[in-house]
């Protein structure tokens, strides 16, 4: 016996995921079944879920104002600025 799942998902996310599924040789349905099997096996979500800390939240907030983010004309300039 089987059941049906209906879910809305961002079209861009879906397209990017389907490309990966194709490379793996699996269908979307198989990917969903794999996820459910892993949830059962781990008795929870099969990857860590955490609440972002203050530093991460600040980084998220910065992305909402891209005009305030630094930009670099060359990779060398970025490396010089970051010391990498």
PDB file of N, CA and C in Angstrom:
ATOM      1  N   UNK A   1       0.850  -1.176   0.000  1.00  0.00           N
ATOM      2  CA  UNK A   1       0.000   0.000   0.000  1.00  0.00           C
ATOM      3  C   UNK A   1       0.888   1.229   0.000  1.00  0.00           C
ATOM      4  N   UNK A   2       0.435   2.296  -0.612  1.00  0.00           N
ATOM      5  CA  UNK A   2       1.200   3.537  -0.642  1.00  0.00           C
ATOM      6  C   UNK A   2       0.278   4.722  -0.408  1.00  0.00           C
ATOM      7  N   UNK A   3       0.894   5.840  -0.127  1.00  0.00           N
ATOM      8  CA  UNK A   3       0.161   7.076   0.123  1.00  0.00           C
ATOM      9  C   UNK A   3       0.754   8.153  -0.765  1.00  0.00           C
ATOM     10  N   UNK A   4       0.047   9.241  -0.923  1.00  0.00           N
ATOM     11  CA  UNK A   4       0.460  10.326  -1.793  1.00  0.00           C
ATOM     12  C   UNK A   4       0.822  11.550  -0.957  1.00  0.00           C
ATOM     13  N   UNK A   5       1.852  12.273  -1.390  1.00  0.00           N
ATOM     14  CA  UNK A   5       2.267  13.511  -0.742  1.00  0.00           C
ATOM     15  C   UNK A   5       2.119  14.639  -1.749  1.00  0.00           C
ATOM     16  N   UNK A   6       1.473  15.716  -1.343  1.00  0.00           N
ATOM     17  CA  UNK A   6       1.389  16.925  -2.162  1.00  0.00           C
ATOM     18  C   UNK A   6       2.067  18.049  -1.402  1.00  0.00           C
ATOM     19  N   UNK A   7       3.021  18.693  -2.041  1.00  0.00           N
ATOM     20  CA  UNK A   7       3.744  19.775  -1.368  1.00  0.00           C
ATOM     21  C   UNK A   7       4.111  20.849  -2.379  1.00  0.00           C
ATOM     22  N   UNK A   8       4.083  22.085  -1.930  1.00  0.00           N
ATOM     23  CA  UNK A   8       4.541  23.202  -2.757  1.00  0.00           C
ATOM     24  C   UNK A   8       6.003  23.444  -2.446  1.00  0.00           C
ATOM     25  N   UNK A   9       6.783  23.712  -3.503  1.00  0.00           N
ATOM     26  CA  UNK A   9       8.210  23.959  -3.319  1.00  0.00           C
ATOM     27  C   UNK A   9       8.648  25.011  -4.330  1.00  0.00           C
ATOM     28  N   UNK A  10       9.589  25.836  -3.932  1.00  0.00           N
ATOM     29  CA  UNK A  10      10.124  26.865  -4.814  1.00  0.00           C
ATOM     30  C   UNK A  10      10.608  26.220  -6.108  1.00  0.00           C
ATOM     31  N   UNK A  11      10.215  26.787  -7.240  1.00  0.00           N
ATOM     32  CA  UNK A  11      10.534  26.175  -8.535  1.00  0.00           C
ATOM     33  C   UNK A  11      12.032  26.129  -8.789  1.00  0.00           C
ATOM     34  N   UNK A  12      12.762  27.163  -8.374  1.00  0.00           N
ATOM     35  CA  UNK A  12      14.216  27.151  -8.568  1.00  0.00           C
ATOM     36  C   UNK A  12      14.890  26.060  -7.766  1.00  0.00           C
ATOM     37  N   UNK A  13      14.479  25.921  -6.512  1.00  0.00           N
ATOM     38  CA  UNK A  13      15.021  24.868  -5.657  1.00  0.00           C
ATOM     39  C   UNK A  13      14.727  23.498  -6.261  1.00  0.00           C
ATOM     40  N   UNK A  14      13.510  23.311  -6.744  1.00  0.00           N
ATOM     41  CA  UNK A  14      13.118  22.028  -7.337  1.00  0.00           C
ATOM     42  C   UNK A  14      13.986  21.716  -8.559  1.00  0.00           C
ATOM     43  N   UNK A  15      14.173  22.688  -9.433  1.00  0.00           N
ATOM     44  CA  UNK A  15      14.973  22.459 -10.646  1.00  0.00           C
ATOM     45  C   UNK A  15      16.413  22.103 -10.298  1.00  0.00           C
ATOM     46  N   UNK A  16      16.979  22.816  -9.324  1.00  0.00           N
ATOM     47  CA  UNK A  16      18.362  22.531  -8.931  1.00  0.00           C
ATOM     48  C   UNK A  16      18.477  21.140  -8.309  1.00  0.00           C
ATOM     49  N   UNK A  17      17.505  20.774  -7.494  1.00  0.00           N
ATOM     50  CA  UNK A  17      17.525  19.450  -6.868  1.00  0.00           C
ATOM     51  C   UNK A  17      17.350  18.350  -7.912  1.00  0.00           C
ATOM     52  N   UNK A  18      16.455  18.549  -8.869  1.00  0.00           N
ATOM     53  CA  UNK A  18      16.219  17.535  -9.902  1.00  0.00           C
ATOM     54  C   UNK A  18      17.486  17.299 -10.723  1.00  0.00           C
ATOM     55  N   UNK A  19      18.249  18.356 -10.983  1.00  0.00           N
ATOM     56  CA  UNK A  19      19.526  18.179 -11.702  1.00  0.00           C
ATOM     57  C   UNK A  19      20.457  17.253 -10.918  1.00  0.00           C
ATOM     58  N   UNK A  20      20.478  17.425  -9.621  1.00  0.00           N
ATOM     59  CA  UNK A  20      21.324  16.565  -8.781  1.00  0.00           C
ATOM     60  C   UNK A  20      20.786  15.143  -8.761  1.00  0.00           C
ATOM     61  N   UNK A  21      19.464  14.997  -8.633  1.00  0.00           N
ATOM     62  CA  UNK A  21      18.869  13.656  -8.662  1.00  0.00           C
ATOM     63  C   UNK A  21      19.204  12.954  -9.973  1.00  0.00           C
ATOM     64  N   UNK A  22      19.131  13.699 -11.083  1.00  0.00           N
ATOM     65  CA  UNK A  22      19.468  13.118 -12.384  1.00  0.00           C
ATOM     66  C   UNK A  22      20.910  12.609 -12.400  1.00  0.00           C
ATOM     67  N   UNK A  23      21.815  13.406 -11.855  1.00  0.00           N
ATOM     68  CA  UNK A  23      23.220  12.985 -11.810  1.00  0.00           C
ATOM     69  C   UNK A  23      23.398  11.749 -10.946  1.00  0.00           C
ATOM     70  N   UNK A  24      22.558  11.625  -9.907  1.00  0.00           N
ATOM     71  CA  UNK A  24      22.624  10.459  -9.024  1.00  0.00           C
ATOM     72  C   UNK A  24      21.889   9.254  -9.607  1.00  0.00           C
ATOM     73  N   UNK A  25      21.103   9.490 -10.657  1.00  0.00           N
ATOM     74  CA  UNK A  25      20.351   8.400 -11.274  1.00  0.00           C
ATOM     75  C   UNK A  25      19.107   8.009 -10.502  1.00  0.00           C
ATOM     76  N   UNK A  26      18.511   8.985  -9.784  1.00  0.00           N
ATOM     77  CA  UNK A  26      17.287   8.691  -9.043  1.00  0.00           C
ATOM     78  C   UNK A  26      16.199   9.694  -9.422  1.00  0.00           C
ATOM     79  N   UNK A  27      14.972   9.300  -9.203  1.00  0.00           N
ATOM     80  CA  UNK A  27      13.836  10.175  -9.475  1.00  0.00           C
ATOM     81  C   UNK A  27      13.520  11.015  -8.237  1.00  0.00           C
ATOM     82  N   UNK A  28      12.664  12.002  -8.429  1.00  0.00           N
ATOM     83  CA  UNK A  28      12.217  12.795  -7.281  1.00  0.00           C
ATOM     84  C   UNK A  28      11.519  11.909  -6.254  1.00  0.00           C
ATOM     85  N   UNK A  29      10.689  11.002  -6.713  1.00  0.00           N
ATOM     86  CA  UNK A  29       9.967  10.104  -5.805  1.00  0.00           C
ATOM     87  C   UNK A  29      10.945   9.242  -5.018  1.00  0.00           C
ATOM     88  N   UNK A  30      11.992   8.731  -5.695  1.00  0.00           N
ATOM     89  CA  UNK A  30      12.990   7.921  -4.997  1.00  0.00           C
ATOM     90  C   UNK A  30      13.739   8.760  -3.960  1.00  0.00           C
ATOM     91  N   UNK A  31      14.027  10.014  -4.287  1.00  0.00           N
ATOM     92  CA  UNK A  31      14.715  10.896  -3.340  1.00  0.00           C
ATOM     93  C   UNK A  31      13.855  11.114  -2.098  1.00  0.00           C
ATOM     94  N   UNK A  32      12.570  11.308  -2.300  1.00  0.00           N
ATOM     95  CA  UNK A  32      11.661  11.493  -1.162  1.00  0.00           C
ATOM     96  C   UNK A  32      11.602  10.224  -0.322  1.00  0.00           C
ATOM     97  N   UNK A  33      11.507   9.061  -0.975  1.00  0.00           N
ATOM     98  CA  UNK A  33      11.498   7.797  -0.236  1.00  0.00           C
ATOM     99  C   UNK A  33      12.793   7.612   0.546  1.00  0.00           C
ATOM    100  N   UNK A  34      13.937   7.994  -0.061  1.00  0.00           N
ATOM    101  CA  UNK A  34      15.221   7.900   0.649  1.00  0.00           C
ATOM    102  C   UNK A  34      15.225   8.791   1.883  1.00  0.00           C
ATOM    103  N   UNK A  35      14.703  10.005   1.748  1.00  0.00           N
ATOM    104  CA  UNK A  35      14.645  10.910   2.885  1.00  0.00           C
ATOM    105  C   UNK A  35      13.789  10.301   3.993  1.00  0.00           C
ATOM    106  N   UNK A  36      12.624   9.801   3.649  1.00  0.00           N
ATOM    107  CA  UNK A  36      11.746   9.194   4.657  1.00  0.00           C
ATOM    108  C   UNK A  36      12.409   7.987   5.316  1.00  0.00           C
ATOM    109  N   UNK A  37      13.119   7.182   4.532  1.00  0.00           N
ATOM    110  CA  UNK A  37      13.798   6.015   5.094  1.00  0.00           C
ATOM    111  C   UNK A  37      14.881   6.453   6.087  1.00  0.00           C
ATOM    112  N   UNK A  38      15.587   7.542   5.768  1.00  0.00           N
ATOM    113  CA  UNK A  38      16.609   8.057   6.673  1.00  0.00           C
ATOM    114  C   UNK A  38      15.988   8.641   7.941  1.00  0.00           C
ATOM    115  N   UNK A  39      14.842   9.287   7.817  1.00  0.00           N
ATOM    116  CA  UNK A  39      14.137   9.793   9.000  1.00  0.00           C
ATOM    117  C   UNK A  39      13.788   8.627   9.914  1.00  0.00           C
ATOM    118  N   UNK A  40      13.281   7.552   9.323  1.00  0.00           N
ATOM    119  CA  UNK A  40      12.938   6.371  10.128  1.00  0.00           C
ATOM    120  C   UNK A  40      14.193   5.777  10.775  1.00  0.00           C
ATOM    121  N   UNK A  41      15.260   5.625   9.999  1.00  0.00           N
ATOM    122  CA  UNK A  41      16.491   5.037  10.501  1.00  0.00           C
ATOM    123  C   UNK A  41      17.080   5.851  11.655  1.00  0.00           C
ATOM    124  N   UNK A  42      17.080   7.169  11.517  1.00  0.00           N
ATOM    125  CA  UNK A  42      17.675   8.049  12.535  1.00  0.00           C
ATOM    126  C   UNK A  42      16.686   8.451  13.626  1.00  0.00           C
ATOM    127  N   UNK A  43      15.435   8.091  13.427  1.00  0.00           N
ATOM    128  CA  UNK A  43      14.382   8.490  14.360  1.00  0.00           C
ATOM    129  C   UNK A  43      14.341  10.011  14.516  1.00  0.00           C
ATOM    130  N   UNK A  44      14.510  10.702  13.411  1.00  0.00           N
ATOM    131  CA  UNK A  44      14.497  12.165  13.381  1.00  0.00           C
ATOM    132  C   UNK A  44      15.041  12.641  12.049  1.00  0.00           C
ATOM    133  N   UNK A  45      15.195  13.926  11.924  1.00  0.00           N
ATOM    134  CA  UNK A  45      15.758  14.494  10.694  1.00  0.00           C
ATOM    135  C   UNK A  45      17.200  13.997  10.566  1.00  0.00           C
ATOM    136  N   UNK A  46      17.601  13.511   9.391  1.00  0.00           N
ATOM    137  CA  UNK A  46      18.912  12.869   9.256  1.00  0.00           C
ATOM    138  C   UNK A  46      20.087  13.834   9.077  1.00  0.00           C
ATOM    139  N   UNK A  47      19.923  15.052   9.522  1.00  0.00           N
ATOM    140  CA  UNK A  47      21.009  16.028   9.520  1.00  0.00           C
ATOM    141  C   UNK A  47      20.729  17.003  10.644  1.00  0.00           C
ATOM    142  N   UNK A  48      21.769  17.676  11.129  1.00  0.00           N
ATOM    143  CA  UNK A  48      21.560  18.551  12.284  1.00  0.00           C
ATOM    144  C   UNK A  48      20.716  19.775  11.942  1.00  0.00           C
ATOM    145  N   UNK A  49      19.787  20.080  12.804  1.00  0.00           N
ATOM    146  CA  UNK A  49      18.999  21.305  12.709  1.00  0.00           C
ATOM    147  C   UNK A  49      19.332  22.126  13.937  1.00  0.00           C
ATOM    148  N   UNK A  50      19.794  23.343  13.712  1.00  0.00           N
ATOM    149  CA  UNK A  50      20.164  24.190  14.840  1.00  0.00           C
ATOM    150  C   UNK A  50      19.583  25.579  14.662  1.00  0.00           C
ATOM    151  N   UNK A  51      19.400  26.255  15.766  1.00  0.00           N
ATOM    152  CA  UNK A  51      18.953  27.639  15.738  1.00  0.00           C
ATOM    153  C   UNK A  51      20.195  28.491  15.512  1.00  0.00           C
ATOM    154  N   UNK A  52      20.175  29.380  14.518  1.00  0.00           N
ATOM    155  CA  UNK A  52      21.371  30.184  14.240  1.00  0.00           C
ATOM    156  C   UNK A  52      21.767  31.044  15.442  1.00  0.00           C
ATOM    157  N   UNK A  53      23.090  31.179  15.638  1.00  0.00           N
ATOM    158  CA  UNK A  53      23.579  32.042  16.714  1.00  0.00           C
ATOM    159  C   UNK A  53      23.584  33.497  16.229  1.00  0.00           C
ATOM    160  N   UNK A  54      23.955  34.404  17.100  1.00  0.00           N
ATOM    161  CA  UNK A  54      23.900  35.837  16.786  1.00  0.00           C
ATOM    162  C   UNK A  54      24.788  36.194  15.590  1.00  0.00           C
ATOM    163  N   UNK A  55      25.950  35.571  15.476  1.00  0.00           N
ATOM    164  CA  UNK A  55      26.854  35.852  14.362  1.00  0.00           C
ATOM    165  C   UNK A  55      26.232  35.436  13.039  1.00  0.00           C
ATOM    166  N   UNK A  56      25.612  34.263  13.027  1.00  0.00           N
ATOM    167  CA  UNK A  56      24.975  33.781  11.807  1.00  0.00           C
ATOM    168  C   UNK A  56      23.787  34.652  11.434  1.00  0.00           C
ATOM    169  N   UNK A  57      22.997  35.042  12.413  1.00  0.00           N
ATOM    170  CA  UNK A  57      21.850  35.914  12.144  1.00  0.00           C
ATOM    171  C   UNK A  57      22.325  37.249  11.582  1.00  0.00           C
ATOM    172  N   UNK A  58      23.406  37.788  12.131  1.00  0.00           N
ATOM    173  CA  UNK A  58      23.956  39.050  11.618  1.00  0.00           C
ATOM    174  C   UNK A  58      24.409  38.885  10.171  1.00  0.00           C
ATOM    175  N   UNK A  59      25.011  37.745   9.853  1.00  0.00           N
ATOM    176  CA  UNK A  59      25.440  37.491   8.473  1.00  0.00           C
ATOM    177  C   UNK A  59      24.230  37.395   7.549  1.00  0.00           C
ATOM    178  N   UNK A  60      23.155  36.734   7.997  1.00  0.00           N
ATOM    179  CA  UNK A  60      21.927  36.675   7.204  1.00  0.00           C
ATOM    180  C   UNK A  60      21.393  38.076   6.955  1.00  0.00           C
ATOM    181  N   UNK A  61      21.384  38.896   8.010  1.00  0.00           N
ATOM    182  CA  UNK A  61      20.870  40.261   7.897  1.00  0.00           C
ATOM    183  C   UNK A  61      21.684  41.084   6.899  1.00  0.00           C
ATOM    184  N   UNK A  62      22.997  40.874   6.865  1.00  0.00           N
ATOM    185  CA  UNK A  62      23.843  41.598   5.915  1.00  0.00           C
ATOM    186  C   UNK A  62      23.438  41.329   4.471  1.00  0.00           C
ATOM    187  N   UNK A  63      23.005  40.115   4.192  1.00  0.00           N
ATOM    188  CA  UNK A  63      22.648  39.774   2.814  1.00  0.00           C
ATOM    189  C   UNK A  63      21.385  40.481   2.353  1.00  0.00           C
ATOM    190  N   UNK A  64      20.607  41.011   3.288  1.00  0.00           N
ATOM    191  CA  UNK A  64      19.413  41.762   2.916  1.00  0.00           C
ATOM    192  C   UNK A  64      19.749  43.177   2.464  1.00  0.00           C
ATOM    193  N   UNK A  65      21.012  43.577   2.633  1.00  0.00           N
ATOM    194  CA  UNK A  65      21.467  44.913   2.230  1.00  0.00           C
ATOM    195  C   UNK A  65      22.742  44.763   1.404  1.00  0.00           C
ATOM    196  N   UNK A  66      22.648  44.184   0.203  1.00  0.00           N
ATOM    197  CA  UNK A  66      23.861  43.898  -0.574  1.00  0.00           C
ATOM    198  C   UNK A  66      24.667  45.154  -0.912  1.00  0.00           C
ATOM    199  N   UNK A  67      24.010  46.308  -0.967  1.00  0.00           N
ATOM    200  CA  UNK A  67      24.740  47.536  -1.273  1.00  0.00           C
ATOM    201  C   UNK A  67      25.741  47.899  -0.178  1.00  0.00           C
ATOM    202  N   UNK A  68      25.561  47.352   1.020  1.00  0.00           N
ATOM    203  CA  UNK A  68      26.469  47.632   2.129  1.00  0.00           C
ATOM    204  C   UNK A  68      27.601  46.608   2.234  1.00  0.00           C
ATOM    205  N   UNK A  69      27.515  45.547   1.442  1.00  0.00           N
ATOM    206  CA  UNK A  69      28.555  44.516   1.484  1.00  0.00           C
ATOM    207  C   UNK A  69      29.775  44.978   0.692  1.00  0.00           C
ATOM    208  N   UNK A  70      30.973  44.615   1.137  1.00  0.00           N
ATOM    209  CA  UNK A  70      32.165  44.999   0.379  1.00  0.00           C
ATOM    210  C   UNK A  70      32.211  44.271  -0.955  1.00  0.00           C
ATOM    211  N   UNK A  71      32.792  44.918  -1.929  1.00  0.00           N
ATOM    212  CA  UNK A  71      32.991  44.264  -3.222  1.00  0.00           C
ATOM    213  C   UNK A  71      34.443  44.463  -3.635  1.00  0.00           C
ATOM    214  N   UNK A  72      34.906  43.586  -4.485  1.00  0.00           N
ATOM    215  CA  UNK A  72      36.303  43.595  -4.891  1.00  0.00           C
ATOM    216  C   UNK A  72      36.379  43.426  -6.401  1.00  0.00           C
ATOM    217  N   UNK A  73      37.268  44.171  -7.017  1.00  0.00           N
ATOM    218  CA  UNK A  73      37.416  44.097  -8.471  1.00  0.00           C
ATOM    219  C   UNK A  73      38.220  42.870  -8.898  1.00  0.00           C
ATOM    220  N   UNK A  74      39.084  42.396  -8.005  1.00  0.00           N
ATOM    221  CA  UNK A  74      39.896  41.225  -8.331  1.00  0.00           C
ATOM    222  C   UNK A  74      39.932  40.272  -7.145  1.00  0.00           C
ATOM    223  N   UNK A  75      40.266  39.038  -7.455  1.00  0.00           N
ATOM    224  CA  UNK A  75      40.420  38.046  -6.392  1.00  0.00           C
ATOM    225  C   UNK A  75      41.601  38.419  -5.499  1.00  0.00           C
ATOM    226  N   UNK A  76      42.631  38.973  -6.111  1.00  0.00           N
ATOM    227  CA  UNK A  76      43.799  39.395  -5.333  1.00  0.00           C
ATOM    228  C   UNK A  76      43.424  40.456  -4.306  1.00  0.00           C
ATOM    229  N   UNK A  77      42.573  41.400  -4.692  1.00  0.00           N
ATOM    230  CA  UNK A  77      42.109  42.438  -3.754  1.00  0.00           C
ATOM    231  C   UNK A  77      41.340  41.805  -2.593  1.00  0.00           C
ATOM    232  N   UNK A  78      40.509  40.827  -2.881  1.00  0.00           N
ATOM    233  CA  UNK A  78      39.772  40.111  -1.829  1.00  0.00           C
ATOM    234  C   UNK A  78      40.750  39.415  -0.898  1.00  0.00           C
ATOM    235  N   UNK A  79      41.726  38.719  -1.453  1.00  0.00           N
ATOM    236  CA  UNK A  79      42.717  38.018  -0.633  1.00  0.00           C
ATOM    237  C   UNK A  79      43.505  38.994   0.228  1.00  0.00           C
ATOM    238  N   UNK A  80      43.872  40.125  -0.332  1.00  0.00           N
ATOM    239  CA  UNK A  80      44.634  41.114   0.439  1.00  0.00           C
ATOM    240  C   UNK A  80      43.789  41.646   1.594  1.00  0.00           C
ATOM    241  N   UNK A  81      42.504  41.879   1.347  1.00  0.00           N
ATOM    242  CA  UNK A  81      41.618  42.406   2.384  1.00  0.00           C
ATOM    243  C   UNK A  81      41.378  41.406   3.503  1.00  0.00           C
ATOM    244  N   UNK A  82      41.224  40.124   3.131  1.00  0.00           N
ATOM    245  CA  UNK A  82      40.887  39.100   4.118  1.00  0.00           C
ATOM    246  C   UNK A  82      42.121  38.442   4.720  1.00  0.00           C
ATOM    247  N   UNK A  83      43.282  38.661   4.125  1.00  0.00           N
ATOM    248  CA  UNK A  83      44.499  38.060   4.648  1.00  0.00           C
ATOM    249  C   UNK A  83      44.631  36.583   4.341  1.00  0.00           C
ATOM    250  N   UNK A  84      43.929  36.125   3.351  1.00  0.00           N
ATOM    251  CA  UNK A  84      43.989  34.699   2.979  1.00  0.00           C
ATOM    252  C   UNK A  84      45.003  34.495   1.883  1.00  0.00           C
TER     253      UNK A  84
END
